[in-house]
PDB file of N, CA and C in Angstrom:
ATOM      1  N   MET A   1     -64.494  50.894  -0.064  1.00  0.00           N
ATOM      2  CA  MET A   1     -65.541  51.844  -0.403  1.00  0.00           C
ATOM      3  C   MET A   1     -65.573  52.101  -1.916  1.00  0.00           C
ATOM      4  N   LYS A   2     -64.391  52.300  -2.497  1.00  0.00           N
ATOM      5  CA  LYS A   2     -64.297  52.586  -3.931  1.00  0.00           C
ATOM      6  C   LYS A   2     -64.823  51.406  -4.753  1.00  0.00           C
ATOM      7  N   LEU A   3     -64.515  50.184  -4.315  1.00  0.00           N
ATOM      8  CA  LEU A   3     -64.950  48.996  -5.037  1.00  0.00           C
ATOM      9  C   LEU A   3     -66.471  48.856  -5.000  1.00  0.00           C
ATOM     10  N   LEU A   4     -67.071  49.088  -3.850  1.00  0.00           N
ATOM     11  CA  LEU A   4     -68.527  49.001  -3.744  1.00  0.00           C
ATOM     12  C   LEU A   4     -69.215  50.074  -4.581  1.00  0.00           C
ATOM     13  N   LEU A   5     -68.647  51.261  -4.582  1.00  0.00           N
ATOM     14  CA  LEU A   5     -69.210  52.341  -5.387  1.00  0.00           C
ATOM     15  C   LEU A   5     -69.096  52.026  -6.876  1.00  0.00           C
ATOM     16  N   LYS A   6     -67.968  51.458  -7.278  1.00  0.00           N
ATOM     17  CA  LYS A   6     -67.792  51.077  -8.683  1.00  0.00           C
ATOM     18  C   LYS A   6     -68.789  49.990  -9.073  1.00  0.00           C
ATOM     19  N   TRP A   7     -69.027  49.054  -8.186  1.00  0.00           N
ATOM     20  CA  TRP A   7     -69.974  47.976  -8.447  1.00  0.00           C
ATOM     21  C   TRP A   7     -71.388  48.540  -8.634  1.00  0.00           C
ATOM     22  N   CYS A   8     -71.797  49.446  -7.742  1.00  0.00           N
ATOM     23  CA  CYS A   8     -73.128  50.053  -7.848  1.00  0.00           C
ATOM     24  C   CYS A   8     -73.250  50.906  -9.114  1.00  0.00           C
ATOM     25  N   LEU A   9     -72.212  51.661  -9.427  1.00  0.00           N
ATOM     26  CA  LEU A   9     -72.256  52.485 -10.634  1.00  0.00           C
ATOM     27  C   LEU A   9     -72.251  51.626 -11.901  1.00  0.00           C
ATOM     28  N   SER A  10     -71.562  50.514 -11.870  1.00  0.00           N
ATOM     29  CA  SER A  10     -71.573  49.596 -13.018  1.00  0.00           C
ATOM     30  C   SER A  10     -72.961  48.987 -13.201  1.00  0.00           C
ATOM     31  N   ALA A  11     -73.616  48.675 -12.102  1.00  0.00           N
ATOM     32  CA  ALA A  11     -74.988  48.169 -12.183  1.00  0.00           C
ATOM     33  C   ALA A  11     -75.917  49.235 -12.746  1.00  0.00           C
ATOM     34  N   MET A  12     -75.718  50.481 -12.332  1.00  0.00           N
ATOM     35  CA  MET A  12     -76.524  51.574 -12.874  1.00  0.00           C
ATOM     36  C   MET A  12     -76.239  51.758 -14.368  1.00  0.00           C
ATOM     37  N   ALA A  13     -74.994  51.541 -14.778  1.00  0.00           N
ATOM     38  CA  ALA A  13     -74.648  51.621 -16.198  1.00  0.00           C
ATOM     39  C   ALA A  13     -75.385  50.539 -16.988  1.00  0.00           C
ATOM     40  N   LEU A  14     -75.500  49.346 -16.417  1.00  0.00           N
ATOM     41  CA  LEU A  14     -76.259  48.286 -17.089  1.00  0.00           C
ATOM     42  C   LEU A  14     -77.732  48.643 -17.195  1.00  0.00           C
ATOM     43  N   MET A  15     -78.273  49.269 -16.150  1.00  0.00           N
ATOM     44  CA  MET A  15     -79.669  49.709 -16.194  1.00  0.00           C
ATOM     45  C   MET A  15     -79.852  50.764 -17.295  1.00  0.00           C
ATOM     46  N   ALA A  16     -78.915  51.699 -17.375  1.00  0.00           N
ATOM     47  CA  ALA A  16     -78.984  52.728 -18.418  1.00  0.00           C
ATOM     48  C   ALA A  16     -78.848  52.107 -19.803  1.00  0.00           C
ATOM     49  N   LEU A  17     -77.979  51.111 -19.913  1.00  0.00           N
ATOM     50  CA  LEU A  17     -77.782  50.428 -21.189  1.00  0.00           C
ATOM     51  C   LEU A  17     -79.057  49.722 -21.639  1.00  0.00           C
ATOM     52  N   SER A  18     -79.792  49.164 -20.687  1.00  0.00           N
ATOM     53  CA  SER A  18     -81.052  48.511 -21.051  1.00  0.00           C
ATOM     54  C   SER A  18     -82.093  49.525 -21.520  1.00  0.00           C
ATOM     55  N   GLN A  19     -81.958  50.773 -21.072  1.00  0.00           N
ATOM     56  CA  GLN A  19     -82.866  51.817 -21.546  1.00  0.00           C
ATOM     57  C   GLN A  19     -82.475  52.305 -22.951  1.00  0.00           C
ATOM     58  N   LEU A  20     -81.169  52.272 -23.247  1.00  0.00           N
ATOM     59  CA  LEU A  20     -80.683  52.709 -24.552  1.00  0.00           C
ATOM     60  C   LEU A  20     -80.961  51.689 -25.654  1.00  0.00           C
ATOM     61  N   ASP A  21     -80.842  50.418 -25.335  1.00  0.00           N
ATOM     62  CA  ASP A  21     -81.003  49.346 -26.318  1.00  0.00           C
ATOM     63  C   ASP A  21     -82.082  48.392 -25.822  1.00  0.00           C
ATOM     64  N   SER A  22     -83.187  48.327 -26.538  1.00  0.00           N
ATOM     65  CA  SER A  22     -84.321  47.507 -26.093  1.00  0.00           C
ATOM     66  C   SER A  22     -84.035  46.006 -26.171  1.00  0.00           C
ATOM     67  N   SER A  23     -82.997  45.593 -26.854  1.00  0.00           N
ATOM     68  CA  SER A  23     -82.681  44.167 -26.945  1.00  0.00           C
ATOM     69  C   SER A  23     -81.802  43.703 -25.792  1.00  0.00           C
ATOM     70  N   ILE A  24     -81.433  44.618 -24.900  1.00  0.00           N
ATOM     71  CA  ILE A  24     -80.730  44.271 -23.669  1.00  0.00           C
ATOM     72  C   ILE A  24     -81.705  44.536 -22.539  1.00  0.00           C
ATOM     73  N   ALA A  25     -82.039  43.494 -21.789  1.00  0.00           N
ATOM     74  CA  ALA A  25     -83.055  43.617 -20.744  1.00  0.00           C
ATOM     75  C   ALA A  25     -82.457  43.297 -19.379  1.00  0.00           C
ATOM     76  N   VAL A  26     -82.729  44.170 -18.426  1.00  0.00           N
ATOM     77  CA  VAL A  26     -82.353  43.959 -17.036  1.00  0.00           C
ATOM     78  C   VAL A  26     -83.635  44.083 -16.228  1.00  0.00           C
ATOM     79  N   SER A  27     -83.963  43.053 -15.441  1.00  0.00           N
ATOM     80  CA  SER A  27     -85.263  43.030 -14.777  1.00  0.00           C
ATOM     81  C   SER A  27     -85.350  43.944 -13.563  1.00  0.00           C
ATOM     82  N   GLY A  28     -84.234  44.316 -12.982  1.00  0.00           N
ATOM     83  CA  GLY A  28     -84.256  45.193 -11.814  1.00  0.00           C
ATOM     84  C   GLY A  28     -82.843  45.514 -11.357  1.00  0.00           C
ATOM     85  N   PHE A  29     -82.759  46.346 -10.320  1.00  0.00           N
ATOM     86  CA  PHE A  29     -81.433  46.745  -9.861  1.00  0.00           C
ATOM     87  C   PHE A  29     -80.669  45.575  -9.239  1.00  0.00           C
ATOM     88  N   GLY A  30     -81.358  44.672  -8.579  1.00  0.00           N
ATOM     89  CA  GLY A  30     -80.703  43.482  -8.029  1.00  0.00           C
ATOM     90  C   GLY A  30     -80.098  42.615  -9.121  1.00  0.00           C
ATOM     91  N   SER A  31     -80.833  42.468 -10.200  1.00  0.00           N
ATOM     92  CA  SER A  31     -80.312  41.715 -11.344  1.00  0.00           C
ATOM     93  C   SER A  31     -79.132  42.426 -11.976  1.00  0.00           C
ATOM     94  N   ALA A  32     -79.194  43.762 -12.004  1.00  0.00           N
ATOM     95  CA  ALA A  32     -78.078  44.542 -12.559  1.00  0.00           C
ATOM     96  C   ALA A  32     -76.838  44.401 -11.685  1.00  0.00           C
ATOM     97  N   LEU A  33     -77.023  44.392 -10.358  1.00  0.00           N
ATOM     98  CA  LEU A  33     -75.881  44.182  -9.453  1.00  0.00           C
ATOM     99  C   LEU A  33     -75.254  42.819  -9.690  1.00  0.00           C
ATOM    100  N   LEU A  34     -76.091  41.797  -9.811  1.00  0.00           N
ATOM    101  CA  LEU A  34     -75.592  40.445 -10.046  1.00  0.00           C
ATOM    102  C   LEU A  34     -74.909  40.341 -11.411  1.00  0.00           C
ATOM    103  N   ALA A  35     -75.492  40.974 -12.430  1.00  0.00           N
ATOM    104  CA  ALA A  35     -74.898  40.942 -13.761  1.00  0.00           C
ATOM    105  C   ALA A  35     -73.553  41.662 -13.778  1.00  0.00           C
ATOM    106  N   ALA A  36     -73.459  42.804 -13.106  1.00  0.00           N
ATOM    107  CA  ALA A  36     -72.185  43.525 -13.040  1.00  0.00           C
ATOM    108  C   ALA A  36     -71.137  42.683 -12.321  1.00  0.00           C
ATOM    109  N   PHE A  37     -71.547  41.961 -11.294  1.00  0.00           N
ATOM    110  CA  PHE A  37     -70.627  41.088 -10.567  1.00  0.00           C
ATOM    111  C   PHE A  37     -70.141  39.941 -11.454  1.00  0.00           C
ATOM    112  N   VAL A  38     -71.062  39.304 -12.172  1.00  0.00           N
ATOM    113  CA  VAL A  38     -70.699  38.170 -13.034  1.00  0.00           C
ATOM    114  C   VAL A  38     -69.821  38.640 -14.197  1.00  0.00           C
ATOM    115  N   ILE A  39     -70.145  39.784 -14.788  1.00  0.00           N
ATOM    116  CA  ILE A  39     -69.314  40.320 -15.871  1.00  0.00           C
ATOM    117  C   ILE A  39     -67.910  40.622 -15.344  1.00  0.00           C
ATOM    118  N   GLY A  40     -67.833  41.168 -14.146  1.00  0.00           N
ATOM    119  CA  GLY A  40     -66.531  41.434 -13.533  1.00  0.00           C
ATOM    120  C   GLY A  40     -65.739  40.161 -13.298  1.00  0.00           C
ATOM    121  N   LEU A  41     -66.405  39.113 -12.803  1.00  0.00           N
ATOM    122  CA  LEU A  41     -65.717  37.834 -12.586  1.00  0.00           C
ATOM    123  C   LEU A  41     -65.245  37.222 -13.907  1.00  0.00           C
ATOM    124  N   LEU A  42     -66.094  37.277 -14.925  1.00  0.00           N
ATOM    125  CA  LEU A  42     -65.693  36.746 -16.229  1.00  0.00           C
ATOM    126  C   LEU A  42     -64.499  37.512 -16.783  1.00  0.00           C
ATOM    127  N   ASN A  43     -64.521  38.830 -16.629  1.00  0.00           N
ATOM    128  CA  ASN A  43     -63.392  39.634 -17.105  1.00  0.00           C
ATOM    129  C   ASN A  43     -62.127  39.373 -16.309  1.00  0.00           C
ATOM    130  N   LEU A  44     -62.283  39.015 -15.053  1.00  0.00           N
ATOM    131  CA  LEU A  44     -61.122  38.772 -14.198  1.00  0.00           C
ATOM    132  C   LEU A  44     -60.484  37.405 -14.454  1.00  0.00           C
ATOM    133  N   PHE A  45     -61.318  36.376 -14.639  1.00  0.00           N
ATOM    134  CA  PHE A  45     -60.782  35.019 -14.724  1.00  0.00           C
ATOM    135  C   PHE A  45     -60.775  34.429 -16.135  1.00  0.00           C
ATOM    136  N   VAL A  46     -61.813  34.650 -16.915  1.00  0.00           N
ATOM    137  CA  VAL A  46     -61.929  33.994 -18.224  1.00  0.00           C
ATOM    138  C   VAL A  46     -61.252  34.815 -19.322  1.00  0.00           C
ATOM    139  N   ARG A  47     -61.382  36.132 -19.273  1.00  0.00           N
ATOM    140  CA  ARG A  47     -60.848  36.994 -20.334  1.00  0.00           C
ATOM    141  C   ARG A  47     -59.346  36.809 -20.556  1.00  0.00           C
ATOM    142  N   PRO A  48     -58.512  36.776 -19.499  1.00  0.00           N
ATOM    143  CA  PRO A  48     -57.072  36.589 -19.756  1.00  0.00           C
ATOM    144  C   PRO A  48     -56.754  35.271 -20.474  1.00  0.00           C
ATOM    145  N   VAL A  49     -57.483  34.222 -20.144  1.00  0.00           N
ATOM    146  CA  VAL A  49     -57.261  32.929 -20.799  1.00  0.00           C
ATOM    147  C   VAL A  49     -57.642  33.027 -22.275  1.00  0.00           C
ATOM    148  N   LEU A  50     -58.789  33.650 -22.554  1.00  0.00           N
ATOM    149  CA  LEU A  50     -59.215  33.798 -23.949  1.00  0.00           C
ATOM    150  C   LEU A  50     -58.266  34.690 -24.739  1.00  0.00           C
ATOM    151  N   VAL A  51     -57.748  35.723 -24.115  1.00  0.00           N
ATOM    152  CA  VAL A  51     -56.810  36.617 -24.808  1.00  0.00           C
ATOM    153  C   VAL A  51     -55.543  35.862 -25.194  1.00  0.00           C
ATOM    154  N   VAL A  52     -55.044  35.036 -24.291  1.00  0.00           N
ATOM    155  CA  VAL A  52     -53.828  34.266 -24.584  1.00  0.00           C
ATOM    156  C   VAL A  52     -54.105  33.219 -25.670  1.00  0.00           C
ATOM    157  N   LEU A  53     -55.252  32.535 -25.561  1.00  0.00           N
ATOM    158  CA  LEU A  53     -55.565  31.491 -26.537  1.00  0.00           C
ATOM    159  C   LEU A  53     -55.811  32.046 -27.944  1.00  0.00           C
ATOM    160  N   THR A  54     -56.308  33.262 -28.028  1.00  0.00           N
ATOM    161  CA  THR A  54     -56.619  33.848 -29.334  1.00  0.00           C
ATOM    162  C   THR A  54     -55.594  34.894 -29.757  1.00  0.00           C
ATOM    163  N   LEU A  55     -54.418  34.849 -29.180  1.00  0.00           N
ATOM    164  CA  LEU A  55     -53.400  35.853 -29.484  1.00  0.00           C
ATOM    165  C   LEU A  55     -53.048  35.938 -30.972  1.00  0.00           C
ATOM    166  N   PRO A  56     -52.893  34.815 -31.696  1.00  0.00           N
ATOM    167  CA  PRO A  56     -52.594  34.945 -33.126  1.00  0.00           C
ATOM    168  C   PRO A  56     -53.694  35.670 -33.908  1.00  0.00           C
ATOM    169  N   VAL A  57     -54.951  35.355 -33.612  1.00  0.00           N
ATOM    170  CA  VAL A  57     -56.064  36.018 -34.298  1.00  0.00           C
ATOM    171  C   VAL A  57     -56.110  37.495 -33.920  1.00  0.00           C
ATOM    172  N   THR A  58     -55.842  37.781 -32.664  1.00  0.00           N
ATOM    173  CA  THR A  58     -55.846  39.166 -32.196  1.00  0.00           C
ATOM    174  C   THR A  58     -54.751  39.973 -32.886  1.00  0.00           C
ATOM    175  N   LEU A  59     -53.588  39.376 -33.039  1.00  0.00           N
ATOM    176  CA  LEU A  59     -52.498  40.073 -33.730  1.00  0.00           C
ATOM    177  C   LEU A  59     -52.814  40.292 -35.205  1.00  0.00           C
ATOM    178  N   LEU A  60     -53.391  39.275 -35.846  1.00  0.00           N
ATOM    179  CA  LEU A  60     -53.738  39.411 -37.263  1.00  0.00           C
ATOM    180  C   LEU A  60     -54.831  40.461 -37.490  1.00  0.00           C
ATOM    181  N   SER A  61     -55.722  40.594 -36.526  1.00  0.00           N
ATOM    182  CA  SER A  61     -56.803  41.571 -36.674  1.00  0.00           C
ATOM    183  C   SER A  61     -56.429  42.924 -36.074  1.00  0.00           C
ATOM    184  N   LEU A  62     -55.171  43.082 -35.705  1.00  0.00           N
ATOM    185  CA  LEU A  62     -54.667  44.324 -35.109  1.00  0.00           C
ATOM    186  C   LEU A  62     -55.431  44.707 -33.835  1.00  0.00           C
ATOM    187  N   GLY A  63     -55.818  43.694 -33.065  1.00  0.00           N
ATOM    188  CA  GLY A  63     -56.466  43.925 -31.781  1.00  0.00           C
ATOM    189  C   GLY A  63     -57.974  44.000 -31.819  1.00  0.00           C
ATOM    190  N   LEU A  64     -58.554  43.989 -33.009  1.00  0.00           N
ATOM    191  CA  LEU A  64     -60.003  44.111 -33.105  1.00  0.00           C
ATOM    192  C   LEU A  64     -60.737  42.882 -32.573  1.00  0.00           C
ATOM    193  N   PHE A  65     -60.055  41.737 -32.511  1.00  0.00           N
ATOM    194  CA  PHE A  65     -60.696  40.530 -31.997  1.00  0.00           C
ATOM    195  C   PHE A  65     -60.996  40.651 -30.505  1.00  0.00           C
ATOM    196  N   LEU A  66     -60.349  41.583 -29.814  1.00  0.00           N
ATOM    197  CA  LEU A  66     -60.647  41.799 -28.393  1.00  0.00           C
ATOM    198  C   LEU A  66     -62.088  42.266 -28.198  1.00  0.00           C
ATOM    199  N   PHE A  67     -62.635  42.973 -29.191  1.00  0.00           N
ATOM    200  CA  PHE A  67     -64.045  43.365 -29.124  1.00  0.00           C
ATOM    201  C   PHE A  67     -64.948  42.134 -29.147  1.00  0.00           C
ATOM    202  N   VAL A  68     -64.561  41.140 -29.928  1.00  0.00           N
ATOM    203  CA  VAL A  68     -65.333  39.895 -30.002  1.00  0.00           C
ATOM    204  C   VAL A  68     -65.269  39.165 -28.664  1.00  0.00           C
ATOM    205  N   ILE A  69     -64.098  39.137 -28.041  1.00  0.00           N
ATOM    206  CA  ILE A  69     -63.956  38.491 -26.739  1.00  0.00           C
ATOM    207  C   ILE A  69     -64.829  39.195 -25.707  1.00  0.00           C
ATOM    208  N   ASN A  70     -64.815  40.526 -25.692  1.00  0.00           N
ATOM    209  CA  ASN A  70     -65.659  41.269 -24.752  1.00  0.00           C
ATOM    210  C   ASN A  70     -67.135  40.970 -24.986  1.00  0.00           C
ATOM    211  N   ALA A  71     -67.537  40.903 -26.254  1.00  0.00           N
ATOM    212  CA  ALA A  71     -68.936  40.614 -26.572  1.00  0.00           C
ATOM    213  C   ALA A  71     -69.323  39.202 -26.135  1.00  0.00           C
ATOM    214  N   LEU A  72     -68.417  38.241 -26.331  1.00  0.00           N
ATOM    215  CA  LEU A  72     -68.696  36.869 -25.898  1.00  0.00           C
ATOM    216  C   LEU A  72     -68.882  36.782 -24.389  1.00  0.00           C
ATOM    217  N   LEU A  73     -68.067  37.495 -23.636  1.00  0.00           N
ATOM    218  CA  LEU A  73     -68.204  37.477 -22.179  1.00  0.00           C
ATOM    219  C   LEU A  73     -69.487  38.172 -21.736  1.00  0.00           C
ATOM    220  N   PHE A  74     -69.840  39.267 -22.391  1.00  0.00           N
ATOM    221  CA  PHE A  74     -71.085  39.977 -22.096  1.00  0.00           C
ATOM    222  C   PHE A  74     -72.282  39.071 -22.381  1.00  0.00           C
ATOM    223  N   TRP A  75     -72.219  38.375 -23.509  1.00  0.00           N
ATOM    224  CA  TRP A  75     -73.290  37.462 -23.898  1.00  0.00           C
ATOM    225  C   TRP A  75     -73.335  36.245 -22.970  1.00  0.00           C
ATOM    226  N   ALA A  76     -72.166  35.754 -22.562  1.00  0.00           N
ATOM    227  CA  ALA A  76     -72.110  34.618 -21.637  1.00  0.00           C
ATOM    228  C   ALA A  76     -72.764  34.971 -20.304  1.00  0.00           C
ATOM    229  N   ALA A  77     -72.540  36.181 -19.829  1.00  0.00           N
ATOM    230  CA  ALA A  77     -73.176  36.608 -18.579  1.00  0.00           C
ATOM    231  C   ALA A  77     -74.692  36.610 -18.734  1.00  0.00           C
ATOM    232  N   SER A  78     -75.187  37.011 -19.896  1.00  0.00           N
ATOM    233  CA  SER A  78     -76.639  37.029 -20.102  1.00  0.00           C
ATOM    234  C   SER A  78     -77.208  35.612 -20.200  1.00  0.00           C
ATOM    235  N   GLU A  79     -76.402  34.675 -20.660  1.00  0.00           N
ATOM    236  CA  GLU A  79     -76.868  33.292 -20.752  1.00  0.00           C
ATOM    237  C   GLU A  79     -76.915  32.619 -19.386  1.00  0.00           C
ATOM    238  N   VAL A  80     -76.061  33.051 -18.478  1.00  0.00           N
ATOM    239  CA  VAL A  80     -75.985  32.445 -17.152  1.00  0.00           C
ATOM    240  C   VAL A  80     -77.067  32.992 -16.222  1.00  0.00           C
ATOM    241  N   LEU A  81     -77.412  34.258 -16.389  1.00  0.00           N
ATOM    242  CA  LEU A  81     -78.312  34.929 -15.460  1.00  0.00           C
ATOM    243  C   LEU A  81     -79.742  34.989 -15.993  1.00  0.00           C
ATOM    244  N   GLU A  82     -80.691  34.953 -15.070  1.00  0.00           N
ATOM    245  CA  GLU A  82     -82.106  35.021 -15.441  1.00  0.00           C
ATOM    246  C   GLU A  82     -82.563  36.454 -15.699  1.00  0.00           C
ATOM    247  N   GLY A  83     -82.150  37.406 -14.884  1.00  0.00           N
ATOM    248  CA  GLY A  83     -82.660  38.762 -14.969  1.00  0.00           C
ATOM    249  C   GLY A  83     -81.913  39.675 -15.918  1.00  0.00           C
ATOM    250  N   PHE A  84     -80.958  39.132 -16.658  1.00  0.00           N
ATOM    251  CA  PHE A  84     -80.154  39.908 -17.605  1.00  0.00           C
ATOM    252  C   PHE A  84     -80.138  39.157 -18.926  1.00  0.00           C
ATOM    253  N   GLN A  85     -80.733  39.754 -19.953  1.00  0.00           N
ATOM    254  CA  GLN A  85     -80.858  39.079 -21.243  1.00  0.00           C
ATOM    255  C   GLN A  85     -80.359  39.971 -22.371  1.00  0.00           C
ATOM    256  N   VAL A  86     -79.644  39.370 -23.313  1.00  0.00           N
ATOM    257  CA  VAL A  86     -79.188  40.049 -24.523  1.00  0.00           C
ATOM    258  C   VAL A  86     -79.718  39.237 -25.700  1.00  0.00           C
ATOM    259  N   ALA A  87     -80.350  39.924 -26.660  1.00  0.00           N
ATOM    260  CA  ALA A  87     -81.061  39.237 -27.738  1.00  0.00           C
ATOM    261  C   ALA A  87     -80.137  38.499 -28.710  1.00  0.00           C
ATOM    262  N   SER A  88     -79.018  39.105 -29.091  1.00  0.00           N
ATOM    263  CA  SER A  88     -78.169  38.481 -30.106  1.00  0.00           C
ATOM    264  C   SER A  88     -76.714  38.882 -29.890  1.00  0.00           C
ATOM    265  N   PHE A  89     -75.836  38.241 -30.664  1.00  0.00           N
ATOM    266  CA  PHE A  89     -74.421  38.547 -30.538  1.00  0.00           C
ATOM    267  C   PHE A  89     -74.125  39.981 -30.981  1.00  0.00           C
ATOM    268  N   GLY A  90     -74.806  40.446 -31.993  1.00  0.00           N
ATOM    269  CA  GLY A  90     -74.606  41.827 -32.455  1.00  0.00           C
ATOM    270  C   GLY A  90     -74.953  42.841 -31.369  1.00  0.00           C
ATOM    271  N   HIS A  91     -76.030  42.575 -30.664  1.00  0.00           N
ATOM    272  CA  HIS A  91     -76.401  43.462 -29.561  1.00  0.00           C
ATOM    273  C   HIS A  91     -75.433  43.315 -28.384  1.00  0.00           C
ATOM    274  N   ALA A  92     -74.886  42.114 -28.210  1.00  0.00           N
ATOM    275  CA  ALA A  92     -73.869  41.926 -27.171  1.00  0.00           C
ATOM    276  C   ALA A  92     -72.604  42.704 -27.523  1.00  0.00           C
ATOM    277  N   LEU A  93     -72.262  42.760 -28.807  1.00  0.00           N
ATOM    278  CA  LEU A  93     -71.094  43.523 -29.247  1.00  0.00           C
ATOM    279  C   LEU A  93     -71.293  45.016 -28.973  1.00  0.00           C
ATOM    280  N   LEU A  94     -72.453  45.525 -29.364  1.00  0.00           N
ATOM    281  CA  LEU A  94     -72.756  46.931 -29.109  1.00  0.00           C
ATOM    282  C   LEU A  94     -72.852  47.213 -27.611  1.00  0.00           C
ATOM    283  N   GLY A  95     -73.521  46.330 -26.885  1.00  0.00           N
ATOM    284  CA  GLY A  95     -73.678  46.502 -25.445  1.00  0.00           C
ATOM    285  C   GLY A  95     -72.355  46.469 -24.706  1.00  0.00           C
ATOM    286  N   SER A  96     -71.475  45.552 -25.084  1.00  0.00           N
ATOM    287  CA  SER A  96     -70.178  45.472 -24.408  1.00  0.00           C
ATOM    288  C   SER A  96     -69.322  46.695 -24.710  1.00  0.00           C
ATOM    289  N   LEU A  97     -69.444  47.220 -25.918  1.00  0.00           N
ATOM    290  CA  LEU A  97     -68.697  48.427 -26.276  1.00  0.00           C
ATOM    291  C   LEU A  97     -69.190  49.623 -25.450  1.00  0.00           C
ATOM    292  N   LEU A  98     -70.500  49.803 -25.378  1.00  0.00           N
ATOM    293  CA  LEU A  98     -71.055  50.909 -24.595  1.00  0.00           C
ATOM    294  C   LEU A  98     -70.785  50.734 -23.097  1.00  0.00           C
ATOM    295  N   TYR A  99     -70.886  49.490 -22.613  1.00  0.00           N
ATOM    296  CA  TYR A  99     -70.616  49.206 -21.200  1.00  0.00           C
ATOM    297  C   TYR A  99     -69.145  49.488 -20.868  1.00  0.00           C
ATOM    298  N   SER A 100     -68.244  49.183 -21.788  1.00  0.00           N
ATOM    299  CA  SER A 100     -66.825  49.477 -21.577  1.00  0.00           C
ATOM    300  C   SER A 100     -66.569  50.979 -21.517  1.00  0.00           C
ATOM    301  N   ILE A 101     -67.233  51.724 -22.397  1.00  0.00           N
ATOM    302  CA  ILE A 101     -67.082  53.185 -22.381  1.00  0.00           C
ATOM    303  C   ILE A 101     -67.616  53.751 -21.069  1.00  0.00           C
ATOM    304  N   MET A 102     -68.771  53.252 -20.640  1.00  0.00           N
ATOM    305  CA  MET A 102     -69.327  53.702 -19.365  1.00  0.00           C
ATOM    306  C   MET A 102     -68.386  53.339 -18.206  1.00  0.00           C
ATOM    307  N   GLY A 103     -67.761  52.177 -18.281  1.00  0.00           N
ATOM    308  CA  GLY A 103     -66.798  51.768 -17.260  1.00  0.00           C
ATOM    309  C   GLY A 103     -65.595  52.683 -17.203  1.00  0.00           C
ATOM    310  N   LEU A 104     -65.127  53.128 -18.368  1.00  0.00           N
ATOM    311  CA  LEU A 104     -64.008  54.077 -18.400  1.00  0.00           C
ATOM    312  C   LEU A 104     -64.387  55.406 -17.745  1.00  0.00           C
ATOM    313  N   VAL A 105     -65.603  55.871 -18.007  1.00  0.00           N
ATOM    314  CA  VAL A 105     -66.076  57.114 -17.395  1.00  0.00           C
ATOM    315  C   VAL A 105     -66.191  56.936 -15.874  1.00  0.00           C
ATOM    316  N   ILE A 106     -66.709  55.801 -15.453  1.00  0.00           N
ATOM    317  CA  ILE A 106     -66.841  55.517 -14.017  1.00  0.00           C
ATOM    318  C   ILE A 106     -65.462  55.474 -13.360  1.00  0.00           C
ATOM    319  N   ASP A 107     -64.516  54.767 -13.981  1.00  0.00           N
ATOM    320  CA  ASP A 107     -63.158  54.687 -13.422  1.00  0.00           C
ATOM    321  C   ASP A 107     -62.508  56.060 -13.332  1.00  0.00           C
ATOM    322  N   SER A 108     -62.693  56.874 -14.351  1.00  0.00           N
ATOM    323  CA  SER A 108     -62.118  58.213 -14.351  1.00  0.00           C
ATOM    324  C   SER A 108     -62.723  59.066 -13.239  1.00  0.00           C
ATOM    325  N   ALA A 109     -64.024  58.997 -13.072  1.00  0.00           N
ATOM    326  CA  ALA A 109     -64.688  59.775 -12.024  1.00  0.00           C
ATOM    327  C   ALA A 109     -64.269  59.303 -10.634  1.00  0.00           C
ATOM    328  N   LEU A 110     -64.171  57.999 -10.456  1.00  0.00           N
ATOM    329  CA  LEU A 110     -63.775  57.475  -9.149  1.00  0.00           C
ATOM    330  C   LEU A 110     -62.319  57.802  -8.831  1.00  0.00           C
ATOM    331  N   GLU A 111     -61.487  57.860  -9.845  1.00  0.00           N
ATOM    332  CA  GLU A 111     -60.085  58.216  -9.619  1.00  0.00           C
ATOM    333  C   GLU A 111     -59.968  59.666  -9.151  1.00  0.00           C
ATOM    334  N   ARG A 112     -60.852  60.503  -9.642  1.00  0.00           N
ATOM    335  CA  ARG A 112     -60.848  61.907  -9.197  1.00  0.00           C
ATOM    336  C   ARG A 112     -61.395  62.039  -7.776  1.00  0.00           C
ATOM    337  N   LEU A 113     -62.375  61.205  -7.450  1.00  0.00           N
ATOM    338  CA  LEU A 113     -62.942  61.248  -6.099  1.00  0.00           C
ATOM    339  C   LEU A 113     -62.025  60.615  -5.061  1.00  0.00           C
ATOM    340  N   PHE A 114     -61.398  59.509  -5.450  1.00  0.00           N
ATOM    341  CA  PHE A 114     -60.502  58.767  -4.554  1.00  0.00           C
ATOM    342  C   PHE A 114     -59.126  58.681  -5.185  1.00  0.00           C
ATOM    343  N   PRO A 115     -58.321  59.740  -5.123  1.00  0.00           N
ATOM    344  CA  PRO A 115     -56.995  59.676  -5.742  1.00  0.00           C
ATOM    345  C   PRO A 115     -56.119  58.632  -5.046  1.00  0.00           C
ATOM    346  N   SER A 116     -55.251  58.010  -5.837  1.00  0.00           N
ATOM    347  CA  SER A 116     -54.371  56.986  -5.265  1.00  0.00           C
ATOM    348  C   SER A 116     -53.362  57.625  -4.336  1.00  0.00           C
ATOM    349  N   ARG A 117     -53.005  56.923  -3.314  1.00  0.00           N
ATOM    350  CA  ARG A 117     -52.092  57.466  -2.292  1.00  0.00           C
ATOM    351  C   ARG A 117     -50.630  57.287  -2.665  1.00  0.00           C
ATOM    352  N   LEU A 118     -50.364  56.614  -3.770  1.00  0.00           N
ATOM    353  CA  LEU A 118     -48.993  56.349  -4.166  1.00  0.00           C
ATOM    354  C   LEU A 118     -48.314  57.566  -4.792  1.00  0.00           C
ATOM    355  N   SER A 119     -49.080  58.506  -5.311  1.00  0.00           N
ATOM    356  CA  SER A 119     -48.466  59.630  -6.018  1.00  0.00           C
ATOM    357  C   SER A 119     -48.057  60.750  -5.124  1.00  0.00           C
TER     358      SER A 119
END
């Protein structure tokens, strides 16, 4: 239940993001659901590989290169999908930053609604 709710809220965050930045376009809620799913898959499978491969650059930049990795994955999702478009890398950087902040708020709210049973 928590996972499905997070997925729907992430899609709503993408819809809100498209309203905030006109260079990020989402054609509908179905496209937002698919985009949230693809971004999640990219973050799950591709991001760890990129983090390991770019570890020296990340260390030299004191971790700031992770923002570039997030932007690349956000932009890659827009290149793969028809209903989700990002105009440029700069907008992907801003969009991924705002989407990450929205994700943190969503995770925090869901943790309050569904507390973990381990504690």
